[in-house]
Amino acid sequence: MRVLELISNADTGRLSHTKLWANVACAASTGMFVYQGVKDTLSVDTWLVYLGLVGGYVAALRLIEALRGKRAADQES
C-alpha cells in the first residue's frame, strides 16, 4: 500500500478530504492514546473514546462497503 492511498480516491486518484481528515483524526487519537499510555494516565473513558473512534470508523467503512457490494450484486441480477 502506498501512503497516497490513505488520502486519495481510489477511482480518480484525487485528494479525498474524507479520507484525509479521517486519517488525521485516527492518527491524532492514536498519538494521544500512546502518550497517555506512556505517562500511565490512561482511563476507562479514554479507552472507550479511542476504541469508539477508531473501531467505529473502521466498522462503519466495512458496513458501507458491504451495502454497496450488495446493491451492485442486486442490480446485476
PDB file of N, CA and C in Angstrom:
ATOM      1  N   MET A   1       0.834  -1.176   0.000  1.00  0.00           N
ATOM      2  CA  MET A   1       0.000   0.000   0.000  1.00  0.00           C
ATOM      3  C   MET A   1       0.881   1.242   0.000  1.00  0.00           C
ATOM      4  N   ARG A   2       0.562   2.154  -0.868  1.00  0.00           N
ATOM      5  CA  ARG A   2       1.288   3.425  -0.902  1.00  0.00           C
ATOM      6  C   ARG A   2       0.644   4.403   0.069  1.00  0.00           C
ATOM      7  N   VAL A   3       1.429   5.325   0.563  1.00  0.00           N
ATOM      8  CA  VAL A   3       0.931   6.311   1.522  1.00  0.00           C
ATOM      9  C   VAL A   3      -0.165   7.171   0.890  1.00  0.00           C
ATOM     10  N   LEU A   4      -0.038   7.483  -0.380  1.00  0.00           N
ATOM     11  CA  LEU A   4      -1.047   8.312  -1.048  1.00  0.00           C
ATOM     12  C   LEU A   4      -2.428   7.658  -1.071  1.00  0.00           C
ATOM     13  N   GLU A   5      -2.484   6.332  -0.988  1.00  0.00           N
ATOM     14  CA  GLU A   5      -3.764   5.648  -0.982  1.00  0.00           C
ATOM     15  C   GLU A   5      -4.563   5.950   0.284  1.00  0.00           C
ATOM     16  N   LEU A   6      -3.877   6.406   1.326  1.00  0.00           N
ATOM     17  CA  LEU A   6      -4.565   6.751   2.565  1.00  0.00           C
ATOM     18  C   LEU A   6      -5.367   8.039   2.450  1.00  0.00           C
ATOM     19  N   ILE A   7      -5.006   8.890   1.497  1.00  0.00           N
ATOM     20  CA  ILE A   7      -5.666  10.195   1.395  1.00  0.00           C
ATOM     21  C   ILE A   7      -6.229  10.491   0.010  1.00  0.00           C
ATOM     22  N   SER A   8      -6.196   9.531  -0.895  1.00  0.00           N
ATOM     23  CA  SER A   8      -6.703   9.791  -2.244  1.00  0.00           C
ATOM     24  C   SER A   8      -7.824   8.825  -2.609  1.00  0.00           C
ATOM     25  N   ASN A   9      -8.651   9.262  -3.522  1.00  0.00           N
ATOM     26  CA  ASN A   9      -9.748   8.456  -4.023  1.00  0.00           C
ATOM     27  C   ASN A   9      -9.177   7.367  -4.925  1.00  0.00           C
ATOM     28  N   ALA A  10      -9.569   6.136  -4.703  1.00  0.00           N
ATOM     29  CA  ALA A  10      -9.031   5.013  -5.473  1.00  0.00           C
ATOM     30  C   ALA A  10      -9.411   5.086  -6.952  1.00  0.00           C
ATOM     31  N   ASP A  11     -10.588   5.610  -7.234  1.00  0.00           N
ATOM     32  CA  ASP A  11     -11.053   5.663  -8.619  1.00  0.00           C
ATOM     33  C   ASP A  11     -10.436   6.805  -9.414  1.00  0.00           C
ATOM     34  N   THR A  12     -10.337   7.985  -8.786  1.00  0.00           N
ATOM     35  CA  THR A  12      -9.867   9.164  -9.515  1.00  0.00           C
ATOM     36  C   THR A  12      -8.416   9.516  -9.235  1.00  0.00           C
ATOM     37  N   GLY A  13      -7.879   9.071  -8.108  1.00  0.00           N
ATOM     38  CA  GLY A  13      -6.514   9.419  -7.736  1.00  0.00           C
ATOM     39  C   GLY A  13      -6.394  10.816  -7.146  1.00  0.00           C
ATOM     40  N   ARG A  14      -7.525  11.519  -7.022  1.00  0.00           N
ATOM     41  CA  ARG A  14      -7.514  12.875  -6.468  1.00  0.00           C
ATOM     42  C   ARG A  14      -7.600  12.825  -4.946  1.00  0.00           C
ATOM     43  N   LEU A  15      -7.208  13.924  -4.312  1.00  0.00           N
ATOM     44  CA  LEU A  15      -7.252  14.041  -2.864  1.00  0.00           C
ATOM     45  C   LEU A  15      -8.683  13.857  -2.370  1.00  0.00           C
ATOM     46  N   SER A  16      -8.845  13.017  -1.361  1.00  0.00           N
ATOM     47  CA  SER A  16     -10.148  12.790  -0.741  1.00  0.00           C
ATOM     48  C   SER A  16     -10.120  13.429   0.642  1.00  0.00           C
ATOM     49  N   HIS A  17     -10.882  14.501   0.805  1.00  0.00           N
ATOM     50  CA  HIS A  17     -10.912  15.173   2.103  1.00  0.00           C
ATOM     51  C   HIS A  17     -11.488  14.266   3.181  1.00  0.00           C
ATOM     52  N   THR A  18     -12.410  13.405   2.823  1.00  0.00           N
ATOM     53  CA  THR A  18     -12.977  12.469   3.779  1.00  0.00           C
ATOM     54  C   THR A  18     -11.898  11.539   4.325  1.00  0.00           C
ATOM     55  N   LYS A  19     -11.111  10.954   3.426  1.00  0.00           N
ATOM     56  CA  LYS A  19     -10.035  10.065   3.853  1.00  0.00           C
ATOM     57  C   LYS A  19      -8.953  10.824   4.618  1.00  0.00           C
ATOM     58  N   LEU A  20      -8.601  11.997   4.130  1.00  0.00           N
ATOM     59  CA  LEU A  20      -7.548  12.789   4.761  1.00  0.00           C
ATOM     60  C   LEU A  20      -7.887  13.090   6.214  1.00  0.00           C
ATOM     61  N   TRP A  21      -9.063  13.678   6.464  1.00  0.00           N
ATOM     62  CA  TRP A  21      -9.389  14.092   7.816  1.00  0.00           C
ATOM     63  C   TRP A  21      -9.724  12.922   8.722  1.00  0.00           C
ATOM     64  N   ALA A  22     -10.250  11.840   8.172  1.00  0.00           N
ATOM     65  CA  ALA A  22     -10.478  10.639   8.984  1.00  0.00           C
ATOM     66  C   ALA A  22      -9.147  10.065   9.450  1.00  0.00           C
ATOM     67  N   ASN A  23      -8.157  10.035   8.570  1.00  0.00           N
ATOM     68  CA  ASN A  23      -6.847   9.520   8.954  1.00  0.00           C
ATOM     69  C   ASN A  23      -6.118  10.475   9.901  1.00  0.00           C
ATOM     70  N   VAL A  24      -6.318  11.778   9.742  1.00  0.00           N
ATOM     71  CA  VAL A  24      -5.737  12.739  10.684  1.00  0.00           C
ATOM     72  C   VAL A  24      -6.338  12.527  12.074  1.00  0.00           C
ATOM     73  N   ALA A  25      -7.656  12.339  12.135  1.00  0.00           N
ATOM     74  CA  ALA A  25      -8.327  12.103  13.423  1.00  0.00           C
ATOM     75  C   ALA A  25      -7.838  10.808  14.072  1.00  0.00           C
ATOM     76  N   CYS A  26      -7.715   9.747  13.279  1.00  0.00           N
ATOM     77  CA  CYS A  26      -7.235   8.476  13.824  1.00  0.00           C
ATOM     78  C   CYS A  26      -5.788   8.590  14.290  1.00  0.00           C
ATOM     79  N   ALA A  27      -4.946   9.278  13.537  1.00  0.00           N
ATOM     80  CA  ALA A  27      -3.544   9.449  13.923  1.00  0.00           C
ATOM     81  C   ALA A  27      -3.425  10.289  15.194  1.00  0.00           C
ATOM     82  N   ALA A  28      -4.202  11.359  15.287  1.00  0.00           N
ATOM     83  CA  ALA A  28      -4.151  12.211  16.478  1.00  0.00           C
ATOM     84  C   ALA A  28      -4.630  11.463  17.720  1.00  0.00           C
ATOM     85  N   SER A  29      -5.716  10.714  17.572  1.00  0.00           N
ATOM     86  CA  SER A  29      -6.217   9.969  18.725  1.00  0.00           C
ATOM     87  C   SER A  29      -5.266   8.838  19.117  1.00  0.00           C
ATOM     88  N   THR A  30      -4.647   8.211  18.143  1.00  0.00           N
ATOM     89  CA  THR A  30      -3.658   7.175  18.449  1.00  0.00           C
ATOM     90  C   THR A  30      -2.452   7.783  19.156  1.00  0.00           C
ATOM     91  N   GLY A  31      -2.018   8.952  18.699  1.00  0.00           N
ATOM     92  CA  GLY A  31      -0.905   9.631  19.355  1.00  0.00           C
ATOM     93  C   GLY A  31      -1.209   9.946  20.813  1.00  0.00           C
ATOM     94  N   MET A  32      -2.395  10.467  21.073  1.00  0.00           N
ATOM     95  CA  MET A  32      -2.774  10.777  22.455  1.00  0.00           C
ATOM     96  C   MET A  32      -2.931   9.514  23.286  1.00  0.00           C
ATOM     97  N   PHE A  33      -3.461   8.463  22.678  1.00  0.00           N
ATOM     98  CA  PHE A  33      -3.625   7.188  23.374  1.00  0.00           C
ATOM     99  C   PHE A  33      -2.263   6.642  23.799  1.00  0.00           C
ATOM    100  N   VAL A  34      -1.309   6.661  22.881  1.00  0.00           N
ATOM    101  CA  VAL A  34       0.043   6.181  23.193  1.00  0.00           C
ATOM    102  C   VAL A  34       0.705   7.075  24.239  1.00  0.00           C
ATOM    103  N   TYR A  35       0.550   8.385  24.083  1.00  0.00           N
ATOM    104  CA  TYR A  35       1.135   9.332  25.041  1.00  0.00           C
ATOM    105  C   TYR A  35       0.600   9.082  26.449  1.00  0.00           C
ATOM    106  N   GLN A  36      -0.721   8.922  26.567  1.00  0.00           N
ATOM    107  CA  GLN A  36      -1.291   8.667  27.884  1.00  0.00           C
ATOM    108  C   GLN A  36      -0.866   7.307  28.425  1.00  0.00           C
ATOM    109  N   GLY A  37      -0.663   6.343  27.541  1.00  0.00           N
ATOM    110  CA  GLY A  37      -0.172   5.048  27.982  1.00  0.00           C
ATOM    111  C   GLY A  37       1.241   5.137  28.528  1.00  0.00           C
ATOM    112  N   VAL A  38       2.089   5.911  27.861  1.00  0.00           N
ATOM    113  CA  VAL A  38       3.471   6.088  28.317  1.00  0.00           C
ATOM    114  C   VAL A  38       3.501   6.832  29.651  1.00  0.00           C
ATOM    115  N   LYS A  39       2.644   7.835  29.792  1.00  0.00           N
ATOM    116  CA  LYS A  39       2.592   8.634  31.028  1.00  0.00           C
ATOM    117  C   LYS A  39       1.785   7.945  32.130  1.00  0.00           C
ATOM    118  N   ASP A  40       1.239   6.771  31.843  1.00  0.00           N
ATOM    119  CA  ASP A  40       0.445   5.990  32.790  1.00  0.00           C
ATOM    120  C   ASP A  40      -0.784   6.772  33.278  1.00  0.00           C
ATOM    121  N   THR A  41      -1.447   7.462  32.358  1.00  0.00           N
ATOM    122  CA  THR A  41      -2.645   8.228  32.706  1.00  0.00           C
ATOM    123  C   THR A  41      -3.873   7.758  31.932  1.00  0.00           C
ATOM    124  N   LEU A  42      -3.821   6.578  31.320  1.00  0.00           N
ATOM    125  CA  LEU A  42      -4.978   6.062  30.588  1.00  0.00           C
ATOM    126  C   LEU A  42      -6.120   5.779  31.549  1.00  0.00           C
ATOM    127  N   SER A  43      -7.327   6.135  31.137  1.00  0.00           N
ATOM    128  CA  SER A  43      -8.516   5.852  31.940  1.00  0.00           C
ATOM    129  C   SER A  43      -9.480   5.024  31.104  1.00  0.00           C
ATOM    130  N   VAL A  44     -10.497   4.538  31.753  1.00  0.00           N
ATOM    131  CA  VAL A  44     -11.528   3.771  31.046  1.00  0.00           C
ATOM    132  C   VAL A  44     -12.200   4.658  29.996  1.00  0.00           C
ATOM    133  N   ASP A  45     -12.429   5.911  30.338  1.00  0.00           N
ATOM    134  CA  ASP A  45     -13.052   6.833  29.390  1.00  0.00           C
ATOM    135  C   ASP A  45     -12.205   6.993  28.134  1.00  0.00           C
ATOM    136  N   THR A  46     -10.894   7.109  28.307  1.00  0.00           N
ATOM    137  CA  THR A  46     -10.000   7.247  27.159  1.00  0.00           C
ATOM    138  C   THR A  46     -10.056   5.999  26.288  1.00  0.00           C
ATOM    139  N   TRP A  47     -10.050   4.825  26.903  1.00  0.00           N
ATOM    140  CA  TRP A  47     -10.168   3.580  26.159  1.00  0.00           C
ATOM    141  C   TRP A  47     -11.459   3.553  25.347  1.00  0.00           C
ATOM    142  N   LEU A  48     -12.573   3.919  25.974  1.00  0.00           N
ATOM    143  CA  LEU A  48     -13.866   3.878  25.283  1.00  0.00           C
ATOM    144  C   LEU A  48     -13.934   4.858  24.121  1.00  0.00           C
ATOM    145  N   VAL A  49     -13.432   6.071  24.329  1.00  0.00           N
ATOM    146  CA  VAL A  49     -13.456   7.066  23.256  1.00  0.00           C
ATOM    147  C   VAL A  49     -12.550   6.624  22.116  1.00  0.00           C
ATOM    148  N   TYR A  50     -11.353   6.155  22.443  1.00  0.00           N
ATOM    149  CA  TYR A  50     -10.413   5.728  21.411  1.00  0.00           C
ATOM    150  C   TYR A  50     -10.981   4.564  20.603  1.00  0.00           C
ATOM    151  N   LEU A  51     -11.449   3.541  21.284  1.00  0.00           N
ATOM    152  CA  LEU A  51     -11.992   2.381  20.578  1.00  0.00           C
ATOM    153  C   LEU A  51     -13.250   2.752  19.791  1.00  0.00           C
ATOM    154  N   GLY A  52     -14.060   3.657  20.328  1.00  0.00           N
ATOM    155  CA  GLY A  52     -15.246   4.104  19.608  1.00  0.00           C
ATOM    156  C   GLY A  52     -14.888   4.860  18.348  1.00  0.00           C
ATOM    157  N   LEU A  53     -13.879   5.704  18.437  1.00  0.00           N
ATOM    158  CA  LEU A  53     -13.469   6.498  17.273  1.00  0.00           C
ATOM    159  C   LEU A  53     -12.835   5.626  16.202  1.00  0.00           C
ATOM    160  N   VAL A  54     -11.788   4.930  16.568  1.00  0.00           N
ATOM    161  CA  VAL A  54     -11.035   4.152  15.582  1.00  0.00           C
ATOM    162  C   VAL A  54     -11.806   2.900  15.159  1.00  0.00           C
ATOM    163  N   GLY A  55     -12.294   2.141  16.124  1.00  0.00           N
ATOM    164  CA  GLY A  55     -13.037   0.922  15.804  1.00  0.00           C
ATOM    165  C   GLY A  55     -14.354   1.203  15.115  1.00  0.00           C
ATOM    166  N   GLY A  56     -15.054   2.237  15.575  1.00  0.00           N
ATOM    167  CA  GLY A  56     -16.334   2.601  14.970  1.00  0.00           C
ATOM    168  C   GLY A  56     -16.177   3.061  13.538  1.00  0.00           C
ATOM    169  N   TYR A  57     -15.119   3.812  13.279  1.00  0.00           N
ATOM    170  CA  TYR A  57     -14.856   4.289  11.918  1.00  0.00           C
ATOM    171  C   TYR A  57     -14.609   3.118  10.973  1.00  0.00           C
ATOM    172  N   VAL A  58     -13.783   2.184  11.392  1.00  0.00           N
ATOM    173  CA  VAL A  58     -13.474   1.024  10.554  1.00  0.00           C
ATOM    174  C   VAL A  58     -14.725   0.163  10.353  1.00  0.00           C
ATOM    175  N   ALA A  59     -15.501  -0.032  11.415  1.00  0.00           N
ATOM    176  CA  ALA A  59     -16.732  -0.826  11.293  1.00  0.00           C
ATOM    177  C   ALA A  59     -17.725  -0.148  10.343  1.00  0.00           C
ATOM    178  N   ALA A  60     -17.849   1.159  10.425  1.00  0.00           N
ATOM    179  CA  ALA A  60     -18.753   1.886   9.529  1.00  0.00           C
ATOM    180  C   ALA A  60     -18.305   1.757   8.074  1.00  0.00           C
ATOM    181  N   LEU A  61     -16.993   1.839   7.832  1.00  0.00           N
ATOM    182  CA  LEU A  61     -16.485   1.677   6.464  1.00  0.00           C
ATOM    183  C   LEU A  61     -16.808   0.290   5.923  1.00  0.00           C
ATOM    184  N   ARG A  62     -16.631  -0.731   6.737  1.00  0.00           N
ATOM    185  CA  ARG A  62     -16.918  -2.104   6.291  1.00  0.00           C
ATOM    186  C   ARG A  62     -18.407  -2.274   5.995  1.00  0.00           C
ATOM    187  N   LEU A  63     -19.260  -1.673   6.825  1.00  0.00           N
ATOM    188  CA  LEU A  63     -20.699  -1.759   6.596  1.00  0.00           C
ATOM    189  C   LEU A  63     -21.074  -1.085   5.282  1.00  0.00           C
ATOM    190  N   ILE A  64     -20.530   0.082   5.037  1.00  0.00           N
ATOM    191  CA  ILE A  64     -20.813   0.801   3.790  1.00  0.00           C
ATOM    192  C   ILE A  64     -20.344  -0.005   2.588  1.00  0.00           C
ATOM    193  N   GLU A  65     -19.149  -0.585   2.667  1.00  0.00           N
ATOM    194  CA  GLU A  65     -18.642  -1.406   1.570  1.00  0.00           C
ATOM    195  C   GLU A  65     -19.538  -2.611   1.324  1.00  0.00           C
ATOM    196  N   ALA A  66     -20.010  -3.240   2.405  1.00  0.00           N
ATOM    197  CA  ALA A  66     -20.879  -4.406   2.265  1.00  0.00           C
ATOM    198  C   ALA A  66     -22.206  -4.020   1.624  1.00  0.00           C
ATOM    199  N   LEU A  67     -22.771  -2.900   2.057  1.00  0.00           N
ATOM    200  CA  LEU A  67     -24.042  -2.453   1.479  1.00  0.00           C
ATOM    201  C   LEU A  67     -23.886  -2.079   0.015  1.00  0.00           C
ATOM    202  N   ARG A  68     -22.802  -1.424  -0.342  1.00  0.00           N
ATOM    203  CA  ARG A  68     -22.558  -1.080  -1.749  1.00  0.00           C
ATOM    204  C   ARG A  68     -22.376  -2.334  -2.589  1.00  0.00           C
ATOM    205  N   GLY A  69     -21.652  -3.313  -2.056  1.00  0.00           N
ATOM    206  CA  GLY A  69     -21.450  -4.567  -2.783  1.00  0.00           C
ATOM    207  C   GLY A  69     -22.748  -5.316  -2.979  1.00  0.00           C
ATOM    208  N   LYS A  70     -23.608  -5.311  -1.951  1.00  0.00           N
ATOM    209  CA  LYS A  70     -24.896  -5.984  -2.061  1.00  0.00           C
ATOM    210  C   LYS A  70     -25.777  -5.277  -3.080  1.00  0.00           C
ATOM    211  N   ARG A  71     -25.774  -3.946  -3.073  1.00  0.00           N
ATOM    212  CA  ARG A  71     -26.576  -3.180  -4.020  1.00  0.00           C
ATOM    213  C   ARG A  71     -26.103  -3.457  -5.454  1.00  0.00           C
ATOM    214  N   ALA A  72     -24.791  -3.503  -5.667  1.00  0.00           N
ATOM    215  CA  ALA A  72     -24.252  -3.771  -7.001  1.00  0.00           C
ATOM    216  C   ALA A  72     -24.622  -5.169  -7.455  1.00  0.00           C
ATOM    217  N   ALA A  73     -24.575  -6.136  -6.540  1.00  0.00           N
ATOM    218  CA  ALA A  73     -24.931  -7.518  -6.881  1.00  0.00           C
ATOM    219  C   ALA A  73     -26.412  -7.620  -7.221  1.00  0.00           C
ATOM    220  N   ASP A  74     -27.251  -6.881  -6.480  1.00  0.00           N
ATOM    221  CA  ASP A  74     -28.684  -6.892  -6.765  1.00  0.00           C
ATOM    222  C   ASP A  74     -29.009  -6.286  -8.117  1.00  0.00           C
ATOM    223  N   GLN A  75     -28.277  -5.251  -8.508  1.00  0.00           N
ATOM    224  CA  GLN A  75     -28.503  -4.587  -9.781  1.00  0.00           C
ATOM    225  C   GLN A  75     -28.067  -5.467 -10.942  1.00  0.00           C
ATOM    226  N   GLU A  76     -27.051  -6.307 -10.736  1.00  0.00           N
ATOM    227  CA  GLU A  76     -26.564  -7.180 -11.803  1.00  0.00           C
ATOM    228  C   GLU A  76     -27.517  -8.343 -12.039  1.00  0.00           C
ATOM    229  N   SER A  77     -28.279  -8.732 -11.006  1.00  0.00           N
ATOM    230  CA  SER A  77     -29.189  -9.892 -11.137  1.00  0.00           C
ATOM    231  C   SER A  77     -30.417  -9.563 -11.903  1.00  0.00           C
TER     232      SER A  77
END
